[in-house]
Amino acid sequence: MQLVGSPPSPFVRKCRVVLAETGQDDVEIIDVSTTPVNTAPEAAAANPLGKIPALLRDGGPALYDSRVITRFLDHRAQAGLYPEERLWDVLTLEATADGIMEAAVLMVYEKRVRPEEFWYEPWLDAQWGKVTGALDALESRWMSHLHGPLDMGQLAVGCALSYLDFRHGDKDWRAGRDSLAAWYGKVAKRPSMQSTMPPAA
C-alpha cells in the first residue's frame, strides 16, 4: 500500500501518526507537492477530487479523506483507536480537530494561492473564529476525554494543535486555554508525533 500526501498537510500527518502508533511500517509514503489550483498528478490519479491524503490499496480502489483512511488503518491493525463504547464521542472529537485543520489550511491558502491584492481579511477572520470556537470547546468540554485512554480523537487534536503552531505561530492559541496547552505539551512528545513533524517551511 502507498499513502499519497504532502508532509506539511495536517490531514496527511493524521494518517502517518496512525501508521506510527500502530506499527504499520509496510505502507510506503509517497510525498507530493500539491495545491487546490495546481494538483499533483499523483493526487489526481488517486482521488478524483485531487485532494490528499489518498491510500492506494492492493486489490481495491484508493481510499481518500483522512477520516476514512484512519478508520481503515485502525481496523487493519485492530488497534482500538475507535472504541465502540465511546465511538460517537471519538468521531465528534476527530471532526472538531478536522474542522480546526480545515479552517487553518484555508487561511494559509488565502495568502499562498491568491494574489495579495485579493486577500480578504473578513474571510481570514472568520476562519480563525472557527478555530478559536473549537479550541474553546476543547478547553471547556473535552478535557476529561482528552485525558482518557488514547483514541483517534486525541491524535487528531494533537495534529490540529501542532498545525496551528506550524502555520499560525503568530497567533497565541494557548492564551486562556491552560488545560489544553498542558495536555498538548505531553501529546506532542509522543514518538508518533515527533517522527511525523512537518519540515520547516
Protein backbone atom coordinates (compact mmCIF):
# COMPACT_ATOMS: atom_id res chain seq x y z
CA MET A 1 0.00 0.00 0.00
CA GLN A 2 1.00 3.59 -0.57
CA LEU A 3 -0.05 6.78 1.22
CA VAL A 4 -0.05 9.76 -1.13
CA GLY A 5 0.32 13.10 0.59
CA SER A 6 2.37 16.14 1.44
CA PRO A 7 4.34 16.29 4.72
CA PRO A 8 3.04 19.75 5.78
CA SER A 9 -0.61 18.67 5.50
CA PRO A 10 -2.17 18.05 8.93
CA PHE A 11 -4.63 15.62 7.34
CA VAL A 12 -1.79 13.57 5.91
CA ARG A 13 0.01 13.74 9.23
CA LYS A 14 -3.02 12.24 10.99
CA CYS A 15 -2.64 9.17 8.82
CA ARG A 16 1.09 8.98 9.34
CA VAL A 17 0.61 9.26 13.12
CA VAL A 18 -1.78 6.31 13.00
CA LEU A 19 0.74 4.32 10.98
CA ALA A 20 3.40 5.08 13.60
CA GLU A 21 1.13 4.38 16.57
CA THR A 22 0.05 1.03 15.12
CA GLY A 23 3.42 -0.09 13.73
CA GLN A 24 2.25 -0.35 10.13
CA ASP A 25 5.62 0.22 8.54
CA ASP A 26 4.67 -1.68 5.39
CA VAL A 27 2.85 1.35 3.94
CA GLU A 28 5.03 3.33 1.53
CA ILE A 29 4.88 7.11 1.86
CA ILE A 30 4.60 8.97 -1.46
CA ASP A 31 5.32 12.67 -0.97
CA VAL A 32 3.85 15.12 -3.45
CA SER A 33 3.60 18.88 -3.77
CA THR A 34 0.03 19.93 -4.50
CA THR A 35 -2.38 22.86 -4.06
CA PRO A 36 -6.06 23.42 -4.94
CA VAL A 37 -5.01 25.25 -8.10
CA ASN A 38 -2.08 23.05 -9.08
CA THR A 39 -2.99 19.46 -8.33
CA ALA A 40 -0.19 16.91 -8.31
CA PRO A 41 -0.72 14.16 -10.91
CA GLU A 42 -0.33 11.51 -8.22
CA ALA A 43 -3.12 13.08 -6.18
CA ALA A 44 -5.41 13.40 -9.19
CA ALA A 45 -4.80 9.78 -10.15
CA ALA A 46 -5.58 8.54 -6.64
CA ASN A 47 -8.55 10.77 -5.83
CA PRO A 48 -11.00 12.21 -8.38
CA LEU A 49 -11.21 15.28 -6.15
CA GLY A 50 -7.45 15.71 -6.39
CA LYS A 51 -7.15 16.01 -2.61
CA ILE A 52 -4.73 14.43 -0.18
CA PRO A 53 -4.28 12.11 1.61
CA ALA A 54 -5.13 9.09 -0.52
CA LEU A 55 -4.35 5.49 0.30
CA LEU A 56 -3.58 3.19 -2.63
CA ARG A 57 -4.55 -0.37 -1.81
CA ASP A 58 -3.66 -3.65 -3.44
CA GLY A 59 -6.77 -5.23 -4.89
CA GLY A 60 -9.16 -2.38 -4.14
CA PRO A 61 -9.92 1.22 -5.06
CA ALA A 62 -7.98 4.01 -3.41
CA LEU A 63 -9.33 5.39 -0.18
CA TYR A 64 -9.47 9.12 0.44
CA ASP A 65 -10.47 11.58 3.14
CA SER A 66 -8.30 11.33 6.22
CA ARG A 67 -11.12 10.07 8.43
CA VAL A 68 -11.80 7.17 6.05
CA ILE A 69 -8.10 6.31 5.91
CA THR A 70 -7.50 6.47 9.67
CA ARG A 71 -10.55 4.30 10.29
CA PHE A 72 -9.30 1.77 7.72
CA LEU A 73 -5.79 1.73 9.17
CA ASP A 74 -7.13 1.29 12.69
CA HIS A 75 -9.30 -1.62 11.53
CA ARG A 76 -6.37 -3.14 9.65
CA ALA A 77 -4.21 -3.11 12.78
CA GLN A 78 -7.06 -3.85 15.21
CA ALA A 79 -5.61 -1.01 17.29
CA GLY A 80 -8.79 0.13 19.04
CA LEU A 81 -8.44 3.83 18.25
CA TYR A 82 -12.19 3.93 17.57
CA PRO A 83 -13.54 2.11 20.63
CA GLU A 84 -17.17 1.12 20.27
CA GLU A 85 -18.10 2.18 23.81
CA ARG A 86 -17.32 5.83 23.10
CA LEU A 87 -17.35 5.84 19.31
CA TRP A 88 -19.60 8.86 18.82
CA ASP A 89 -17.51 10.99 21.16
CA VAL A 90 -14.33 9.93 19.35
CA LEU A 91 -15.81 10.73 15.95
CA THR A 92 -17.11 14.10 17.12
CA LEU A 93 -13.75 14.99 18.64
CA GLU A 94 -11.98 13.96 15.44
CA ALA A 95 -14.43 16.07 13.41
CA THR A 96 -13.71 19.04 15.69
CA ALA A 97 -9.99 18.62 15.12
CA ASP A 98 -10.52 18.29 11.37
CA GLY A 99 -12.57 21.49 11.42
CA ILE A 100 -9.66 23.31 13.06
CA MET A 101 -7.30 21.94 10.42
CA GLU A 102 -9.59 22.86 7.54
CA ALA A 103 -10.03 26.46 8.68
CA ALA A 104 -6.32 26.83 9.38
CA VAL A 105 -5.38 25.39 5.97
CA LEU A 106 -7.84 27.71 4.21
CA MET A 107 -6.15 30.66 5.90
CA VAL A 108 -2.81 29.51 4.51
CA TYR A 109 -4.20 29.08 1.00
CA GLU A 110 -5.82 32.52 1.08
CA LYS A 111 -2.36 34.07 1.22
CA ARG A 112 -0.40 31.49 -0.76
CA VAL A 113 -2.74 30.99 -3.70
CA ARG A 114 -4.50 34.33 -4.10
CA PRO A 115 -2.61 37.49 -5.11
CA GLU A 116 -2.11 39.86 -2.18
CA GLU A 117 -4.48 42.47 -3.57
CA PHE A 118 -7.27 39.90 -3.36
CA TRP A 119 -6.66 38.76 0.21
CA TYR A 120 -9.95 39.08 2.07
CA GLU A 121 -9.43 39.86 5.74
CA PRO A 122 -13.05 39.18 6.81
CA TRP A 123 -12.64 35.67 5.38
CA LEU A 124 -9.41 35.16 7.30
CA ASP A 125 -11.01 36.48 10.49
CA ALA A 126 -14.00 34.17 10.02
CA GLN A 127 -11.77 31.13 9.62
CA TRP A 128 -9.81 32.00 12.74
CA GLY A 129 -13.11 32.46 14.54
CA LYS A 130 -13.94 28.85 13.73
CA VAL A 131 -10.58 27.79 15.12
CA THR A 132 -10.97 29.69 18.37
CA GLY A 133 -14.54 28.48 18.85
CA ALA A 134 -13.37 24.89 18.50
CA LEU A 135 -10.43 25.48 20.83
CA ASP A 136 -12.74 26.95 23.46
CA ALA A 137 -14.97 23.89 23.17
CA LEU A 138 -11.98 21.61 23.66
CA GLU A 139 -10.93 23.54 26.76
CA SER A 140 -14.40 23.67 28.30
CA ARG A 141 -15.98 20.36 27.27
CA TRP A 142 -13.43 17.81 26.17
CA MET A 143 -10.57 17.77 28.66
CA SER A 144 -11.80 14.69 30.52
CA HIS A 145 -11.93 12.78 27.23
CA LEU A 146 -8.53 14.07 26.15
CA HIS A 147 -7.05 12.74 29.39
CA GLY A 148 -8.66 9.32 28.89
CA PRO A 149 -7.36 6.25 27.05
CA LEU A 150 -5.69 7.04 23.74
CA ASP A 151 -8.03 7.22 20.76
CA MET A 152 -8.25 8.79 17.31
CA GLY A 153 -9.91 11.93 18.58
CA GLN A 154 -6.92 12.71 20.76
CA LEU A 155 -4.42 12.07 17.98
CA ALA A 156 -6.40 14.29 15.61
CA VAL A 157 -6.48 17.12 18.15
CA GLY A 158 -2.74 16.78 18.65
CA CYS A 159 -2.17 17.13 14.90
CA ALA A 160 -4.50 20.12 14.71
CA LEU A 161 -2.77 21.99 17.53
CA SER A 162 0.63 21.22 16.06
CA TYR A 163 -0.51 22.68 12.73
CA LEU A 164 -1.54 25.90 14.46
CA ASP A 165 1.99 26.20 15.82
CA PHE A 166 3.44 25.31 12.42
CA ARG A 167 1.48 27.71 10.23
CA HIS A 168 -0.07 30.22 12.64
CA GLY A 169 2.59 30.65 15.27
CA ASP A 170 1.91 34.39 15.38
CA LYS A 171 -1.50 33.66 16.92
CA ASP A 172 -1.38 32.56 20.56
CA TRP A 173 -3.92 29.74 20.63
CA ARG A 174 -2.75 28.81 24.15
CA ALA A 175 -3.91 32.08 25.73
CA GLY A 176 -6.73 31.35 28.18
CA ARG A 177 -6.54 27.63 27.48
CA ASP A 178 -4.09 26.40 30.07
CA SER A 179 -5.52 22.89 30.34
CA LEU A 180 -5.46 22.31 26.60
CA ALA A 181 -1.96 23.74 26.30
CA ALA A 182 -0.67 21.49 29.10
CA TRP A 183 -2.30 18.44 27.54
CA TYR A 184 -0.78 19.22 24.15
CA GLY A 185 2.65 19.63 25.70
CA LYS A 186 2.52 15.97 26.69
CA VAL A 187 0.95 14.62 23.50
CA ALA A 188 3.48 16.44 21.33
CA LYS A 189 6.23 14.33 22.92
CA ARG A 190 4.77 11.04 21.73
CA PRO A 191 7.15 9.24 19.35
CA SER A 192 4.45 9.19 16.66
CA MET A 193 4.15 12.97 16.84
CA GLN A 194 7.87 13.54 16.93
CA SER A 195 8.59 11.31 13.94
CA THR A 196 5.93 12.98 11.77
CA MET A 197 6.83 16.61 12.41
CA PRO A 198 6.47 18.54 9.13
CA PRO A 199 9.60 20.13 7.69
CA ALA A 200 10.14 23.80 8.40
CA ALA A 201 8.83 25.91 5.55
